[in-house]
Amino acid sequence: MPKRKRGITWDAASRREAIRKRERTVIETEEERSRRFQLWHNVAWTKEWKKQKNQVIADCQQWHNVAMREELKKQKDKEIADCQPWYNMQGNAV
């Protein structure tokens, strides 16, 4: 039976080098993955922020339009009331 070689043989050295290379690749891949997820998180956050901002703007515009419509309706009702003499008489009679 042949004697066992001591130390690292060529096969073992190349095997260890291949393992180190794979480990480096895995680490780089994890870094890229975390970088990519962080990017998507920022994109999603930005989209959500813009959506909320647009909703606030839309709500403000809607309230502005509602107030304008109510004011126009009051003005129109007042003009109608001023034009109708029987309405004015009823108001004075009370």
PDB file of N, CA and C in Angstrom:
ATOM      1  N   MET A   1       0.847  -1.162   0.000  1.00  0.00           N
ATOM      2  CA  MET A   1       0.000   0.000   0.000  1.00  0.00           C
ATOM      3  C   MET A   1       0.902   1.237   0.000  1.00  0.00           C
ATOM      4  N   PRO A   2       0.605   2.189  -0.916  1.00  0.00           N
ATOM      5  CA  PRO A   2       1.460   3.363  -0.992  1.00  0.00           C
ATOM      6  C   PRO A   2       1.271   4.277   0.206  1.00  0.00           C
ATOM      7  N   LYS A   3       2.318   4.994   0.500  1.00  0.00           N
ATOM      8  CA  LYS A   3       2.249   5.936   1.619  1.00  0.00           C
ATOM      9  C   LYS A   3       1.376   7.123   1.230  1.00  0.00           C
ATOM     10  N   ARG A   4       0.726   7.640   2.214  1.00  0.00           N
ATOM     11  CA  ARG A   4      -0.130   8.798   1.992  1.00  0.00           C
ATOM     12  C   ARG A   4       0.706  10.049   1.908  1.00  0.00           C
ATOM     13  N   LYS A   5       0.354  10.928   0.971  1.00  0.00           N
ATOM     14  CA  LYS A   5       1.109  12.170   0.833  1.00  0.00           C
ATOM     15  C   LYS A   5       0.691  13.143   1.920  1.00  0.00           C
ATOM     16  N   ARG A   6       1.667  13.852   2.397  1.00  0.00           N
ATOM     17  CA  ARG A   6       1.352  14.836   3.423  1.00  0.00           C
ATOM     18  C   ARG A   6       1.226  16.198   2.777  1.00  0.00           C
ATOM     19  N   GLY A   7       0.428  17.071   3.394  1.00  0.00           N
ATOM     20  CA  GLY A   7       0.229  18.407   2.853  1.00  0.00           C
ATOM     21  C   GLY A   7      -0.913  18.408   1.841  1.00  0.00           C
ATOM     22  N   ILE A   8      -1.019  19.492   1.148  1.00  0.00           N
ATOM     23  CA  ILE A   8      -2.115  19.654   0.199  1.00  0.00           C
ATOM     24  C   ILE A   8      -1.651  19.164  -1.166  1.00  0.00           C
ATOM     25  N   THR A   9      -2.401  18.287  -1.722  1.00  0.00           N
ATOM     26  CA  THR A   9      -2.083  17.817  -3.065  1.00  0.00           C
ATOM     27  C   THR A   9      -2.642  18.793  -4.079  1.00  0.00           C
ATOM     28  N   TRP A  10      -2.299  18.609  -5.328  1.00  0.00           N
ATOM     29  CA  TRP A  10      -2.754  19.515  -6.387  1.00  0.00           C
ATOM     30  C   TRP A  10      -4.272  19.508  -6.504  1.00  0.00           C
ATOM     31  N   ASP A  11      -4.887  18.348  -6.422  1.00  0.00           N
ATOM     32  CA  ASP A  11      -6.346  18.248  -6.538  1.00  0.00           C
ATOM     33  C   ASP A  11      -7.040  18.972  -5.388  1.00  0.00           C
ATOM     34  N   ALA A  12      -6.524  18.779  -4.193  1.00  0.00           N
ATOM     35  CA  ALA A  12      -7.136  19.425  -3.035  1.00  0.00           C
ATOM     36  C   ALA A  12      -6.979  20.937  -3.119  1.00  0.00           C
ATOM     37  N   ALA A  13      -5.826  21.397  -3.582  1.00  0.00           N
ATOM     38  CA  ALA A  13      -5.595  22.839  -3.700  1.00  0.00           C
ATOM     39  C   ALA A  13      -6.534  23.454  -4.729  1.00  0.00           C
ATOM     40  N   SER A  14      -6.676  22.803  -5.859  1.00  0.00           N
ATOM     41  CA  SER A  14      -7.577  23.353  -6.886  1.00  0.00           C
ATOM     42  C   SER A  14      -9.030  23.290  -6.417  1.00  0.00           C
ATOM     43  N   ARG A  15      -9.358  22.237  -5.671  1.00  0.00           N
ATOM     44  CA  ARG A  15     -10.713  22.116  -5.142  1.00  0.00           C
ATOM     45  C   ARG A  15     -11.004  23.252  -4.162  1.00  0.00           C
ATOM     46  N   ARG A  16     -10.041  23.531  -3.276  1.00  0.00           N
ATOM     47  CA  ARG A  16     -10.231  24.623  -2.314  1.00  0.00           C
ATOM     48  C   ARG A  16     -10.333  25.972  -3.022  1.00  0.00           C
ATOM     49  N   GLU A  17      -9.526  26.148  -4.044  1.00  0.00           N
ATOM     50  CA  GLU A  17      -9.583  27.396  -4.817  1.00  0.00           C
ATOM     51  C   GLU A  17     -10.948  27.551  -5.488  1.00  0.00           C
ATOM     52  N   ALA A  18     -11.476  26.471  -6.012  1.00  0.00           N
ATOM     53  CA  ALA A  18     -12.797  26.515  -6.645  1.00  0.00           C
ATOM     54  C   ALA A  18     -13.876  26.846  -5.616  1.00  0.00           C
ATOM     55  N   ILE A  19     -13.734  26.280  -4.424  1.00  0.00           N
ATOM     56  CA  ILE A  19     -14.705  26.562  -3.355  1.00  0.00           C
ATOM     57  C   ILE A  19     -14.646  28.035  -2.972  1.00  0.00           C
ATOM     58  N   ARG A  20     -13.436  28.574  -2.816  1.00  0.00           N
ATOM     59  CA  ARG A  20     -13.298  29.997  -2.481  1.00  0.00           C
ATOM     60  C   ARG A  20     -13.901  30.878  -3.566  1.00  0.00           C
ATOM     61  N   LYS A  21     -13.675  30.499  -4.812  1.00  0.00           N
ATOM     62  CA  LYS A  21     -14.211  31.274  -5.936  1.00  0.00           C
ATOM     63  C   LYS A  21     -15.743  31.284  -5.900  1.00  0.00           C
ATOM     64  N   ARG A  22     -16.333  30.112  -5.644  1.00  0.00           N
ATOM     65  CA  ARG A  22     -17.796  30.025  -5.552  1.00  0.00           C
ATOM     66  C   ARG A  22     -18.324  30.858  -4.390  1.00  0.00           C
ATOM     67  N   GLU A  23     -17.622  30.801  -3.258  1.00  0.00           N
ATOM     68  CA  GLU A  23     -18.046  31.587  -2.100  1.00  0.00           C
ATOM     69  C   GLU A  23     -18.004  33.078  -2.418  1.00  0.00           C
ATOM     70  N   ARG A  24     -16.959  33.513  -3.124  1.00  0.00           N
ATOM     71  CA  ARG A  24     -16.870  34.911  -3.525  1.00  0.00           C
ATOM     72  C   ARG A  24     -18.038  35.286  -4.437  1.00  0.00           C
ATOM     73  N   THR A  25     -18.359  34.396  -5.358  1.00  0.00           N
ATOM     74  CA  THR A  25     -19.473  34.644  -6.281  1.00  0.00           C
ATOM     75  C   THR A  25     -20.789  34.737  -5.518  1.00  0.00           C
ATOM     76  N   VAL A  26     -20.976  33.857  -4.537  1.00  0.00           N
ATOM     77  CA  VAL A  26     -22.203  33.882  -3.738  1.00  0.00           C
ATOM     78  C   VAL A  26     -22.296  35.186  -2.966  1.00  0.00           C
ATOM     79  N   ILE A  27     -21.190  35.632  -2.382  1.00  0.00           N
ATOM     80  CA  ILE A  27     -21.194  36.884  -1.618  1.00  0.00           C
ATOM     81  C   ILE A  27     -21.524  38.055  -2.531  1.00  0.00           C
ATOM     82  N   GLU A  28     -20.912  38.098  -3.711  1.00  0.00           N
ATOM     83  CA  GLU A  28     -21.205  39.174  -4.657  1.00  0.00           C
ATOM     84  C   GLU A  28     -22.664  39.131  -5.088  1.00  0.00           C
ATOM     85  N   THR A  29     -23.169  37.933  -5.297  1.00  0.00           N
ATOM     86  CA  THR A  29     -24.562  37.793  -5.704  1.00  0.00           C
ATOM     87  C   THR A  29     -25.491  38.313  -4.610  1.00  0.00           C
ATOM     88  N   GLU A  30     -25.194  37.999  -3.354  1.00  0.00           N
ATOM     89  CA  GLU A  30     -26.020  38.493  -2.251  1.00  0.00           C
ATOM     90  C   GLU A  30     -25.967  40.014  -2.169  1.00  0.00           C
ATOM     91  N   GLU A  31     -24.778  40.579  -2.400  1.00  0.00           N
ATOM     92  CA  GLU A  31     -24.663  42.041  -2.385  1.00  0.00           C
ATOM     93  C   GLU A  31     -25.485  42.654  -3.516  1.00  0.00           C
ATOM     94  N   GLU A  32     -25.394  42.054  -4.694  1.00  0.00           N
ATOM     95  CA  GLU A  32     -26.177  42.562  -5.827  1.00  0.00           C
ATOM     96  C   GLU A  32     -27.669  42.442  -5.550  1.00  0.00           C
ATOM     97  N   ARG A  33     -28.062  41.318  -4.963  1.00  0.00           N
ATOM     98  CA  ARG A  33     -29.473  41.101  -4.657  1.00  0.00           C
ATOM     99  C   ARG A  33     -29.974  42.141  -3.659  1.00  0.00           C
ATOM    100  N   SER A  34     -29.174  42.381  -2.614  1.00  0.00           N
ATOM    101  CA  SER A  34     -29.597  43.375  -1.625  1.00  0.00           C
ATOM    102  C   SER A  34     -29.643  44.766  -2.248  1.00  0.00           C
ATOM    103  N   ARG A  35     -28.689  45.066  -3.131  1.00  0.00           N
ATOM    104  CA  ARG A  35     -28.683  46.358  -3.824  1.00  0.00           C
ATOM    105  C   ARG A  35     -29.929  46.490  -4.707  1.00  0.00           C
ATOM    106  N   ARG A  36     -30.260  45.404  -5.410  1.00  0.00           N
ATOM    107  CA  ARG A  36     -31.426  45.412  -6.294  1.00  0.00           C
ATOM    108  C   ARG A  36     -32.721  45.579  -5.488  1.00  0.00           C
ATOM    109  N   PHE A  37     -32.832  44.855  -4.376  1.00  0.00           N
ATOM    110  CA  PHE A  37     -34.026  44.987  -3.541  1.00  0.00           C
ATOM    111  C   PHE A  37     -34.150  46.385  -2.965  1.00  0.00           C
ATOM    112  N   GLN A  38     -33.022  46.965  -2.594  1.00  0.00           N
ATOM    113  CA  GLN A  38     -33.050  48.323  -2.065  1.00  0.00           C
ATOM    114  C   GLN A  38     -33.530  49.288  -3.140  1.00  0.00           C
ATOM    115  N   LEU A  39     -33.069  49.095  -4.367  1.00  0.00           N
ATOM    116  CA  LEU A  39     -33.505  49.939  -5.476  1.00  0.00           C
ATOM    117  C   LEU A  39     -35.005  49.809  -5.683  1.00  0.00           C
ATOM    118  N   TRP A  40     -35.516  48.568  -5.710  1.00  0.00           N
ATOM    119  CA  TRP A  40     -36.956  48.369  -5.910  1.00  0.00           C
ATOM    120  C   TRP A  40     -37.756  48.940  -4.748  1.00  0.00           C
ATOM    121  N   HIS A  41     -37.204  48.840  -3.545  1.00  0.00           N
ATOM    122  CA  HIS A  41     -37.881  49.424  -2.383  1.00  0.00           C
ATOM    123  C   HIS A  41     -38.008  50.929  -2.567  1.00  0.00           C
ATOM    124  N   ASN A  42     -36.925  51.575  -3.016  1.00  0.00           N
ATOM    125  CA  ASN A  42     -36.970  53.021  -3.237  1.00  0.00           C
ATOM    126  C   ASN A  42     -37.949  53.383  -4.338  1.00  0.00           C
ATOM    127  N   VAL A  43     -37.988  52.587  -5.402  1.00  0.00           N
ATOM    128  CA  VAL A  43     -38.918  52.850  -6.503  1.00  0.00           C
ATOM    129  C   VAL A  43     -40.353  52.719  -6.004  1.00  0.00           C
ATOM    130  N   ALA A  44     -40.625  51.649  -5.251  1.00  0.00           N
ATOM    131  CA  ALA A  44     -41.974  51.441  -4.729  1.00  0.00           C
ATOM    132  C   ALA A  44     -42.357  52.564  -3.775  1.00  0.00           C
ATOM    133  N   TRP A  45     -41.426  52.985  -2.918  1.00  0.00           N
ATOM    134  CA  TRP A  45     -41.711  54.065  -1.973  1.00  0.00           C
ATOM    135  C   TRP A  45     -41.998  55.354  -2.724  1.00  0.00           C
ATOM    136  N   THR A  46     -41.209  55.637  -3.768  1.00  0.00           N
ATOM    137  CA  THR A  46     -41.405  56.854  -4.554  1.00  0.00           C
ATOM    138  C   THR A  46     -42.761  56.829  -5.244  1.00  0.00           C
ATOM    139  N   LYS A  47     -43.131  55.686  -5.809  1.00  0.00           N
ATOM    140  CA  LYS A  47     -44.436  55.574  -6.471  1.00  0.00           C
ATOM    141  C   LYS A  47     -45.566  55.800  -5.466  1.00  0.00           C
ATOM    142  N   GLU A  48     -45.447  55.197  -4.294  1.00  0.00           N
ATOM    143  CA  GLU A  48     -46.479  55.354  -3.264  1.00  0.00           C
ATOM    144  C   GLU A  48     -46.566  56.808  -2.817  1.00  0.00           C
ATOM    145  N   TRP A  49     -45.417  57.464  -2.658  1.00  0.00           N
ATOM    146  CA  TRP A  49     -45.400  58.861  -2.241  1.00  0.00           C
ATOM    147  C   TRP A  49     -46.075  59.733  -3.290  1.00  0.00           C
ATOM    148  N   LYS A  50     -45.762  59.505  -4.574  1.00  0.00           N
ATOM    149  CA  LYS A  50     -46.384  60.287  -5.648  1.00  0.00           C
ATOM    150  C   LYS A  50     -47.887  60.042  -5.696  1.00  0.00           C
ATOM    151  N   LYS A  51     -48.283  58.792  -5.473  1.00  0.00           N
ATOM    152  CA  LYS A  51     -49.708  58.450  -5.488  1.00  0.00           C
ATOM    153  C   LYS A  51     -50.445  59.204  -4.374  1.00  0.00           C
ATOM    154  N   GLN A  52     -49.868  59.220  -3.171  1.00  0.00           N
ATOM    155  CA  GLN A  52     -50.486  59.934  -2.057  1.00  0.00           C
ATOM    156  C   GLN A  52     -50.524  61.436  -2.323  1.00  0.00           C
ATOM    157  N   LYS A  53     -49.448  61.969  -2.885  1.00  0.00           N
ATOM    158  CA  LYS A  53     -49.387  63.396  -3.190  1.00  0.00           C
ATOM    159  C   LYS A  53     -50.458  63.769  -4.207  1.00  0.00           C
ATOM    160  N   ASN A  54     -50.598  62.956  -5.251  1.00  0.00           N
ATOM    161  CA  ASN A  54     -51.619  63.217  -6.265  1.00  0.00           C
ATOM    162  C   ASN A  54     -53.022  63.103  -5.681  1.00  0.00           C
ATOM    163  N   GLN A  55     -53.213  62.182  -4.739  1.00  0.00           N
ATOM    164  CA  GLN A  55     -54.517  62.030  -4.100  1.00  0.00           C
ATOM    165  C   GLN A  55     -54.850  63.274  -3.277  1.00  0.00           C
ATOM    166  N   VAL A  56     -53.857  63.797  -2.562  1.00  0.00           N
ATOM    167  CA  VAL A  56     -54.072  65.018  -1.777  1.00  0.00           C
ATOM    168  C   VAL A  56     -54.418  66.180  -2.703  1.00  0.00           C
ATOM    169  N   ILE A  57     -53.696  66.293  -3.806  1.00  0.00           N
ATOM    170  CA  ILE A  57     -53.981  67.367  -4.769  1.00  0.00           C
ATOM    171  C   ILE A  57     -55.383  67.211  -5.334  1.00  0.00           C
ATOM    172  N   ALA A  58     -55.754  65.986  -5.679  1.00  0.00           N
ATOM    173  CA  ALA A  58     -57.091  65.742  -6.226  1.00  0.00           C
ATOM    174  C   ALA A  58     -58.165  66.088  -5.198  1.00  0.00           C
ATOM    175  N   ASP A  59     -57.922  65.718  -3.930  1.00  0.00           N
ATOM    176  CA  ASP A  59     -58.889  66.043  -2.881  1.00  0.00           C
ATOM    177  C   ASP A  59     -59.043  67.554  -2.732  1.00  0.00           C
ATOM    178  N   CYS A  60     -57.928  68.269  -2.760  1.00  0.00           N
ATOM    179  CA  CYS A  60     -57.985  69.730  -2.637  1.00  0.00           C
ATOM    180  C   CYS A  60     -58.746  70.338  -3.808  1.00  0.00           C
ATOM    181  N   GLN A  61     -58.493  69.847  -4.991  1.00  0.00           N
ATOM    182  CA  GLN A  61     -59.196  70.371  -6.159  1.00  0.00           C
ATOM    183  C   GLN A  61     -60.679  70.055  -6.070  1.00  0.00           C
ATOM    184  N   GLN A  62     -60.991  68.869  -5.587  1.00  0.00           N
ATOM    185  CA  GLN A  62     -62.395  68.486  -5.468  1.00  0.00           C
ATOM    186  C   GLN A  62     -63.102  69.392  -4.462  1.00  0.00           C
ATOM    187  N   TRP A  63     -62.474  69.643  -3.311  1.00  0.00           N
ATOM    188  CA  TRP A  63     -63.096  70.509  -2.318  1.00  0.00           C
ATOM    189  C   TRP A  63     -63.243  71.927  -2.850  1.00  0.00           C
ATOM    190  N   HIS A  64     -62.265  72.359  -3.610  1.00  0.00           N
ATOM    191  CA  HIS A  64     -62.346  73.684  -4.211  1.00  0.00           C
ATOM    192  C   HIS A  64     -63.540  73.747  -5.159  1.00  0.00           C
ATOM    193  N   ASN A  65     -63.707  72.719  -5.969  1.00  0.00           N
ATOM    194  CA  ASN A  65     -64.831  72.685  -6.908  1.00  0.00           C
ATOM    195  C   ASN A  65     -66.164  72.614  -6.181  1.00  0.00           C
ATOM    196  N   VAL A  66     -66.218  71.853  -5.098  1.00  0.00           N
ATOM    197  CA  VAL A  66     -67.464  71.751  -4.328  1.00  0.00           C
ATOM    198  C   VAL A  66     -67.818  73.116  -3.747  1.00  0.00           C
ATOM    199  N   ALA A  67     -66.835  73.794  -3.188  1.00  0.00           N
ATOM    200  CA  ALA A  67     -67.089  75.116  -2.613  1.00  0.00           C
ATOM    201  C   ALA A  67     -67.538  76.095  -3.690  1.00  0.00           C
ATOM    202  N   MET A  68     -66.896  76.034  -4.851  1.00  0.00           N
ATOM    203  CA  MET A  68     -67.290  76.922  -5.950  1.00  0.00           C
ATOM    204  C   MET A  68     -68.722  76.635  -6.379  1.00  0.00           C
ATOM    205  N   ARG A  69     -69.062  75.350  -6.493  1.00  0.00           N
ATOM    206  CA  ARG A  69     -70.420  74.990  -6.916  1.00  0.00           C
ATOM    207  C   ARG A  69     -71.451  75.460  -5.894  1.00  0.00           C
ATOM    208  N   GLU A  70     -71.136  75.274  -4.609  1.00  0.00           N
ATOM    209  CA  GLU A  70     -72.077  75.710  -3.578  1.00  0.00           C
ATOM    210  C   GLU A  70     -72.253  77.225  -3.610  1.00  0.00           C
ATOM    211  N   GLU A  71     -71.150  77.938  -3.808  1.00  0.00           N
ATOM    212  CA  GLU A  71     -71.239  79.389  -3.863  1.00  0.00           C
ATOM    213  C   GLU A  71     -72.042  79.834  -5.083  1.00  0.00           C
ATOM    214  N   LEU A  72     -71.804  79.198  -6.217  1.00  0.00           N
ATOM    215  CA  LEU A  72     -72.570  79.531  -7.416  1.00  0.00           C
ATOM    216  C   LEU A  72     -74.052  79.226  -7.219  1.00  0.00           C
ATOM    217  N   LYS A  73     -74.332  78.112  -6.538  1.00  0.00           N
ATOM    218  CA  LYS A  73     -75.725  77.746  -6.287  1.00  0.00           C
ATOM    219  C   LYS A  73     -76.392  78.785  -5.378  1.00  0.00           C
ATOM    220  N   LYS A  74     -75.684  79.227  -4.339  1.00  0.00           N
ATOM    221  CA  LYS A  74     -76.239  80.249  -3.448  1.00  0.00           C
ATOM    222  C   LYS A  74     -76.489  81.551  -4.198  1.00  0.00           C
ATOM    223  N   GLN A  75     -75.527  81.913  -5.040  1.00  0.00           N
ATOM    224  CA  GLN A  75     -75.668  83.144  -5.813  1.00  0.00           C
ATOM    225  C   GLN A  75     -76.853  83.040  -6.771  1.00  0.00           C
ATOM    226  N   LYS A  76     -76.983  81.889  -7.409  1.00  0.00           N
ATOM    227  CA  LYS A  76     -78.093  81.674  -8.340  1.00  0.00           C
ATOM    228  C   LYS A  76     -79.425  81.718  -7.591  1.00  0.00           C
ATOM    229  N   ASP A  77     -79.497  81.060  -6.436  1.00  0.00           N
ATOM    230  CA  ASP A  77     -80.722  81.077  -5.636  1.00  0.00           C
ATOM    231  C   ASP A  77     -81.077  82.503  -5.207  1.00  0.00           C
ATOM    232  N   LYS A  78     -80.059  83.280  -4.849  1.00  0.00           N
ATOM    233  CA  LYS A  78     -80.300  84.662  -4.439  1.00  0.00           C
ATOM    234  C   LYS A  78     -80.838  85.486  -5.601  1.00  0.00           C
ATOM    235  N   GLU A  79     -80.248  85.290  -6.788  1.00  0.00           N
ATOM    236  CA  GLU A  79     -80.728  86.015  -7.964  1.00  0.00           C
ATOM    237  C   GLU A  79     -82.163  85.631  -8.293  1.00  0.00           C
ATOM    238  N   ILE A  80     -82.459  84.346  -8.183  1.00  0.00           N
ATOM    239  CA  ILE A  80     -83.829  83.894  -8.442  1.00  0.00           C
ATOM    240  C   ILE A  80     -84.773  84.506  -7.420  1.00  0.00           C
ATOM    241  N   ALA A  81     -84.358  84.524  -6.159  1.00  0.00           N
ATOM    242  CA  ALA A  81     -85.203  85.086  -5.108  1.00  0.00           C
ATOM    243  C   ALA A  81     -85.430  86.578  -5.333  1.00  0.00           C
ATOM    244  N   ASP A  82     -84.402  87.274  -5.790  1.00  0.00           N
ATOM    245  CA  ASP A  82     -84.556  88.709  -6.054  1.00  0.00           C
ATOM    246  C   ASP A  82     -85.501  88.968  -7.218  1.00  0.00           C
ATOM    247  N   CYS A  83     -85.556  88.068  -8.158  1.00  0.00           N
ATOM    248  CA  CYS A  83     -86.390  88.260  -9.348  1.00  0.00           C
ATOM    249  C   CYS A  83     -87.845  87.883  -9.103  1.00  0.00           C
ATOM    250  N   GLN A  84     -88.128  87.117  -8.091  1.00  0.00           N
ATOM    251  CA  GLN A  84     -89.501  86.670  -7.863  1.00  0.00           C
ATOM    252  C   GLN A  84     -90.161  87.561  -6.811  1.00  0.00           C
ATOM    253  N   PRO A  85     -91.124  88.345  -7.232  1.00  0.00           N
ATOM    254  CA  PRO A  85     -91.760  89.273  -6.288  1.00  0.00           C
ATOM    255  C   PRO A  85     -92.548  88.562  -5.188  1.00  0.00           C
ATOM    256  N   TRP A  86     -93.195  87.451  -5.491  1.00  0.00           N
ATOM    257  CA  TRP A  86     -93.987  86.775  -4.457  1.00  0.00           C
ATOM    258  C   TRP A  86     -93.095  86.251  -3.343  1.00  0.00           C
ATOM    259  N   TYR A  87     -91.871  85.854  -3.681  1.00  0.00           N
ATOM    260  CA  TYR A  87     -90.939  85.377  -2.675  1.00  0.00           C
ATOM    261  C   TYR A  87     -90.534  86.537  -1.763  1.00  0.00           C
ATOM    262  N   ASN A  88     -90.307  87.716  -2.367  1.00  0.00           N
ATOM    263  CA  ASN A  88     -89.940  88.889  -1.576  1.00  0.00           C
ATOM    264  C   ASN A  88     -91.084  89.300  -0.656  1.00  0.00           C
ATOM    265  N   MET A  89     -92.304  89.175  -1.153  1.00  0.00           N
ATOM    266  CA  MET A  89     -93.460  89.545  -0.330  1.00  0.00           C
ATOM    267  C   MET A  89     -93.609  88.607   0.848  1.00  0.00           C
ATOM    268  N   GLN A  90     -93.402  87.346   0.611  1.00  0.00           N
ATOM    269  CA  GLN A  90     -93.506  86.390   1.710  1.00  0.00           C
ATOM    270  C   GLN A  90     -92.451  86.679   2.773  1.00  0.00           C
ATOM    271  N   GLY A  91     -91.267  87.004   2.347  1.00  0.00           N
ATOM    272  CA  GLY A  91     -90.197  87.305   3.292  1.00  0.00           C
ATOM    273  C   GLY A  91     -90.525  88.534   4.118  1.00  0.00           C
ATOM    274  N   ASN A  92     -91.169  89.534   3.491  1.00  0.00           N
ATOM    275  CA  ASN A  92     -91.510  90.755   4.204  1.00  0.00           C
ATOM    276  C   ASN A  92     -92.708  90.554   5.114  1.00  0.00           C
ATOM    277  N   ALA A  93     -93.603  89.642   4.733  1.00  0.00           N
ATOM    278  CA  ALA A  93     -94.822  89.431   5.508  1.00  0.00           C
ATOM    279  C   ALA A  93     -94.538  88.694   6.808  1.00  0.00           C
ATOM    280  N   VAL A  94     -93.511  87.940   6.842  1.00  0.00           N
ATOM    281  CA  VAL A  94     -93.246  87.138   8.036  1.00  0.00           C
ATOM    282  C   VAL A  94     -92.710  87.949   9.113  1.00  0.00           C
TER     283      VAL A  94
END
